Amino acid sequence: MTNLIIFTSISGLLFLIVGLVVGYVFFKSSTEKN
């Protein structure tokens, strides 16, 4: 049960980091186009 909680928290952190990176790259590319 503890492994499931750790796996869920790690997956949440990875998802959050990936979201931030994708958002930053998208924002940077959109500002360069203008």
C-alpha atoms as a PDB file:
ATOM      1  CA  MET A   1       0.000   0.000   0.000  1.00  0.00           C
ATOM      2  CA  THR A   2       2.876   2.346   0.776  1.00  0.00           C
ATOM      3  CA  ASN A   3       4.418   1.679  -2.644  1.00  0.00           C
ATOM      4  CA  LEU A   4       1.143   2.726  -4.299  1.00  0.00           C
ATOM      5  CA  ILE A   5       1.125   6.036  -2.408  1.00  0.00           C
ATOM      6  CA  ILE A   6       4.762   6.721  -3.337  1.00  0.00           C
ATOM      7  CA  PHE A   7       4.104   5.809  -6.976  1.00  0.00           C
ATOM      8  CA  THR A   8       1.061   8.106  -7.092  1.00  0.00           C
ATOM      9  CA  SER A   9       2.943  11.054  -5.591  1.00  0.00           C
ATOM     10  CA  ILE A  10       5.910  10.561  -7.943  1.00  0.00           C
ATOM     11  CA  SER A  11       3.571  10.312 -10.946  1.00  0.00           C
ATOM     12  CA  GLY A  12       1.841  13.523  -9.840  1.00  0.00           C
ATOM     13  CA  LEU A  13       5.159  15.348  -9.542  1.00  0.00           C
ATOM     14  CA  LEU A  14       6.329  14.121 -12.955  1.00  0.00           C
ATOM     15  CA  PHE A  15       3.007  15.144 -14.523  1.00  0.00           C
ATOM     16  CA  LEU A  16       3.289  18.595 -12.937  1.00  0.00           C
ATOM     17  CA  ILE A  17       6.901  19.054 -14.113  1.00  0.00           C
ATOM     18  CA  VAL A  18       6.054  17.916 -17.658  1.00  0.00           C
ATOM     19  CA  GLY A  19       3.079  20.292 -17.701  1.00  0.00           C
ATOM     20  CA  LEU A  20       5.252  23.208 -16.635  1.00  0.00           C
ATOM     21  CA  VAL A  21       7.920  22.407 -19.241  1.00  0.00           C
ATOM     22  CA  VAL A  22       5.372  22.022 -22.055  1.00  0.00           C
ATOM     23  CA  GLY A  23       3.639  25.246 -21.028  1.00  0.00           C
ATOM     24  CA  TYR A  24       6.959  27.110 -20.906  1.00  0.00           C
ATOM     25  CA  VAL A  25       8.058  25.823 -24.322  1.00  0.00           C
ATOM     26  CA  PHE A  26       4.651  26.631 -25.836  1.00  0.00           C
ATOM     27  CA  PHE A  27       4.714  30.140 -24.343  1.00  0.00           C
ATOM     28  CA  LYS A  28       8.287  30.718 -25.508  1.00  0.00           C
ATOM     29  CA  SER A  29       7.565  29.530 -29.054  1.00  0.00           C
ATOM     30  CA  SER A  30       4.377  31.603 -29.278  1.00  0.00           C
ATOM     31  CA  THR A  31       6.215  34.761 -28.179  1.00  0.00           C
ATOM     32  CA  GLU A  32       9.016  34.160 -30.693  1.00  0.00           C
ATOM     33  CA  LYS A  33       6.512  33.860 -33.560  1.00  0.00           C
ATOM     34  CA  ASN A  34       5.063  37.317 -32.922  1.00  0.00           C
END
